[in-house]
Amino acid sequence: MFSYIKRKLSESDSGGSANQTDALLAFKTEQSLARSVDRMGIVIGEDALLQELGYKNASDLQETVYDALRTIRDPEKPATLEDLNVIYEDGISVMPPTKSNVSVVRIEFNPTVPHCSLATLIGLCIRVKVERSLPHNIKLDIFIKKGMHNTEDEINKQINDKERIAAAMENPNLRELVENCIKDEE
């Protein structure tokens, strides 16, 4: 898409401002549609896709994810991630669906200290809790808030790598830690 715009803009240098306007209009239209294709090959909007999954809109999915996350307990402290402001509603965003029609949820969290040794475990707990709480397949992108941890890039890679997640959950000690953090209060 960007190469198309660059080409149109370069043509406009020699052909007038109408081509530039067309290129910008095409870009804005493409960006604003946030569209997907249903099973019949018909283009549908993002809200229609979410409604197929049982949500009124993106805010409804965001609230559902937040409700699932707010009860996760901190691995070290007798408090929830919500109590410690590790997770927060504004850190959850519903993104446009993938090309294969899968909803995307981006979750940003904020460790309590920049050298938090359990940030990877917290990210793993967030992933497992959301995947178990939602009855359908979604793509999760989980990230530490920019600038809030000394090794955020490495941790972000770990908590978004399927193979590493699977390997971590095969470890009985780590699995027990995760289960204790995500279990619902009785």
Protein backbone atom coordinates (compact mmCIF):
# COMPACT_ATOMS: atom_id res chain seq x y z
CA MET A 1 0.00 0.00 0.00
CA PHE A 2 2.78 2.40 0.90
CA SER A 3 4.59 1.74 -2.38
CA TYR A 4 1.35 2.59 -4.20
CA ILE A 5 1.14 5.90 -2.35
CA LYS A 6 4.79 6.73 -3.02
CA ARG A 7 4.26 5.97 -6.71
CA LYS A 8 1.14 8.13 -6.85
CA LEU A 9 2.84 10.94 -5.01
CA SER A 10 5.82 10.85 -7.36
CA GLU A 11 3.43 10.87 -10.35
CA SER A 12 1.73 13.87 -8.84
CA ASP A 13 5.00 15.80 -8.93
CA SER A 14 4.79 15.62 -12.69
CA GLY A 15 1.04 15.34 -13.16
CA GLY A 16 -0.61 17.80 -10.78
CA SER A 17 -2.35 17.64 -7.41
CA ALA A 18 -5.31 15.46 -8.47
CA ASN A 19 -3.16 12.31 -8.38
CA GLN A 20 -1.84 13.22 -4.93
CA THR A 21 -5.37 13.69 -3.66
CA ASP A 22 -6.41 10.31 -5.13
CA ALA A 23 -3.45 8.59 -3.45
CA LEU A 24 -4.21 10.11 -0.06
CA LEU A 25 -7.90 9.29 -0.40
CA ALA A 26 -7.07 5.66 -1.27
CA PHE A 27 -4.76 5.42 1.75
CA LYS A 28 -7.32 6.89 4.17
CA THR A 29 -10.07 4.64 2.83
CA GLU A 30 -7.91 1.53 3.22
CA GLN A 31 -6.84 2.51 6.72
CA SER A 32 -10.35 3.35 7.95
CA LEU A 33 -12.15 0.27 6.70
CA ALA A 34 -10.58 -2.18 9.21
CA ARG A 35 -12.32 -4.91 7.32
CA SER A 36 -12.40 -8.65 7.26
CA VAL A 37 -13.86 -11.39 5.08
CA ASP A 38 -16.54 -13.75 6.32
CA ARG A 39 -16.88 -17.44 5.43
CA MET A 40 -18.69 -16.57 2.19
CA GLY A 41 -15.94 -14.21 1.04
CA ILE A 42 -18.00 -11.11 1.75
CA VAL A 43 -16.19 -8.14 3.26
CA ILE A 44 -17.47 -7.40 6.76
CA GLY A 45 -16.56 -4.73 9.29
CA GLU A 46 -14.63 -5.31 12.49
CA ASP A 47 -17.75 -4.85 14.63
CA ALA A 48 -19.59 -7.49 12.57
CA LEU A 49 -16.75 -9.93 13.19
CA LEU A 50 -16.88 -9.20 16.92
CA GLN A 51 -20.65 -9.65 16.90
CA GLU A 52 -20.18 -13.08 15.32
CA LEU A 53 -18.03 -13.91 18.36
CA GLY A 54 -20.71 -12.67 20.76
CA TYR A 55 -19.50 -9.13 21.53
CA LYS A 56 -21.43 -5.91 20.95
CA ASN A 57 -18.29 -4.06 19.84
CA ALA A 58 -14.56 -3.71 20.53
CA SER A 59 -15.20 -2.14 23.94
CA ASP A 60 -17.20 -5.19 24.97
CA LEU A 61 -14.29 -7.51 24.09
CA GLN A 62 -11.87 -5.15 25.86
CA GLU A 63 -14.00 -5.23 29.04
CA THR A 64 -14.27 -9.03 28.87
CA VAL A 65 -10.48 -9.38 28.66
CA TYR A 66 -9.96 -6.89 31.49
CA ASP A 67 -12.47 -8.71 33.71
CA ALA A 68 -10.54 -11.94 33.19
CA LEU A 69 -7.18 -10.32 33.96
CA ARG A 70 -8.13 -8.25 36.99
CA THR A 71 -8.24 -11.28 39.31
CA ILE A 72 -4.75 -12.61 38.53
CA ARG A 73 -2.72 -12.62 41.71
CA ASP A 74 0.82 -11.28 41.88
CA PRO A 75 3.34 -14.13 42.30
CA GLU A 76 5.07 -12.38 45.25
CA LYS A 77 2.54 -10.10 46.90
CA PRO A 78 -0.90 -10.84 48.38
CA ALA A 79 -2.62 -8.59 45.85
CA THR A 80 -4.04 -8.77 42.34
CA LEU A 81 -2.38 -7.31 39.27
CA GLU A 82 -5.21 -4.77 39.16
CA ASP A 83 -4.54 -3.70 42.78
CA LEU A 84 -0.87 -3.14 41.92
CA ASN A 85 -1.70 -1.28 38.67
CA VAL A 86 0.25 -3.87 36.68
CA ILE A 87 -2.77 -4.24 34.39
CA TYR A 88 -5.19 -1.46 33.59
CA GLU A 89 -8.12 -0.97 31.22
CA ASP A 90 -6.29 1.46 28.94
CA GLY A 91 -3.59 -1.18 28.41
CA ILE A 92 -6.02 -3.44 26.54
CA SER A 93 -6.71 -2.65 22.89
CA VAL A 94 -8.72 -4.46 20.26
CA MET A 95 -6.82 -4.23 16.99
CA PRO A 96 -8.08 -4.87 13.43
CA PRO A 97 -8.44 -8.61 12.68
CA THR A 98 -5.77 -10.57 10.87
CA LYS A 99 -6.10 -11.49 7.19
CA SER A 100 -7.35 -14.90 8.29
CA ASN A 101 -10.23 -13.28 10.21
CA VAL A 102 -8.88 -13.68 13.76
CA SER A 103 -9.51 -10.92 16.28
CA VAL A 104 -6.37 -9.35 17.74
CA VAL A 105 -6.10 -8.13 21.32
CA ARG A 106 -3.04 -6.18 22.44
CA ILE A 107 -2.34 -6.23 26.18
CA GLU A 108 0.18 -3.90 27.73
CA PHE A 109 1.24 -4.35 31.34
CA ASN A 110 3.41 -2.37 33.70
CA PRO A 111 5.70 -4.27 36.11
CA THR A 112 5.92 -2.74 39.57
CA VAL A 113 9.68 -2.09 39.26
CA PRO A 114 12.02 -1.76 36.24
CA HIS A 115 14.00 -4.83 37.32
CA CYS A 116 11.04 -7.07 38.19
CA SER A 117 12.32 -10.64 38.03
CA LEU A 118 8.83 -12.05 37.60
CA ALA A 119 7.72 -9.99 34.58
CA THR A 120 7.97 -13.04 32.30
CA LEU A 121 5.85 -15.10 34.71
CA ILE A 122 3.27 -12.31 34.88
CA GLY A 123 3.13 -12.18 31.06
CA LEU A 124 2.69 -15.97 30.98
CA CYS A 125 -0.14 -15.73 33.52
CA ILE A 126 -1.85 -13.04 31.43
CA ARG A 127 -1.62 -15.19 28.28
CA VAL A 128 -2.89 -18.38 29.92
CA LYS A 129 -5.75 -16.62 31.73
CA VAL A 130 -7.07 -14.89 28.59
CA GLU A 131 -6.72 -18.01 26.41
CA ARG A 132 -8.70 -20.04 28.96
CA SER A 133 -11.31 -17.35 29.59
CA LEU A 134 -12.40 -16.75 26.01
CA PRO A 135 -14.35 -19.48 24.21
CA HIS A 136 -12.92 -18.62 20.79
CA ASN A 137 -9.58 -18.17 19.12
CA ILE A 138 -7.98 -14.74 19.27
CA LYS A 139 -4.45 -13.53 18.64
CA LEU A 140 -2.84 -12.08 21.73
CA ASP A 141 -0.01 -9.56 21.60
CA ILE A 142 1.31 -9.04 25.12
CA PHE A 143 3.88 -6.36 25.85
CA ILE A 144 5.52 -4.61 28.75
CA LYS A 145 4.76 -0.88 28.69
CA LYS A 146 7.53 0.88 26.75
CA GLY A 147 10.38 2.02 28.99
CA MET A 148 9.09 0.30 32.14
CA HIS A 149 11.47 -2.66 32.38
CA ASN A 150 15.20 -3.06 31.90
CA THR A 151 14.85 -6.12 29.63
CA GLU A 152 11.44 -5.46 28.07
CA ASP A 153 12.47 -6.46 24.52
CA GLU A 154 13.68 -9.90 25.61
CA ILE A 155 10.63 -10.49 27.81
CA ASN A 156 8.25 -9.35 25.05
CA LYS A 157 9.84 -11.92 22.71
CA GLN A 158 9.45 -14.69 25.28
CA ILE A 159 5.82 -14.04 26.14
CA ASN A 160 4.80 -13.85 22.48
CA ASP A 161 6.65 -16.98 21.32
CA LYS A 162 4.35 -20.03 21.07
CA GLU A 163 7.16 -22.56 21.46
CA ARG A 164 8.53 -20.89 24.58
CA ILE A 165 5.04 -20.66 26.08
CA ALA A 166 4.40 -24.36 25.42
CA ALA A 167 7.78 -25.32 26.89
CA ALA A 168 7.18 -23.19 29.98
CA MET A 169 3.78 -24.76 30.60
CA GLU A 170 5.30 -28.26 30.37
CA ASN A 171 7.47 -27.46 33.40
CA PRO A 172 5.44 -28.74 36.40
CA ASN A 173 6.81 -26.16 38.86
CA LEU A 174 6.16 -23.24 36.53
CA ARG A 175 2.72 -24.59 35.62
CA GLU A 176 1.84 -24.79 39.33
CA LEU A 177 2.94 -21.16 39.85
CA VAL A 178 0.80 -20.03 36.91
CA GLU A 179 -2.21 -22.06 38.10
CA ASN A 180 -1.96 -20.53 41.59
CA CYS A 181 -1.80 -17.00 40.17
CA ILE A 182 -4.72 -17.38 37.77
CA LYS A 183 -7.14 -19.51 39.78
CA ASP A 184 -10.43 -17.83 40.57
CA GLU A 185 -11.31 -17.00 44.16
CA GLU A 186 -13.81 -19.39 45.70
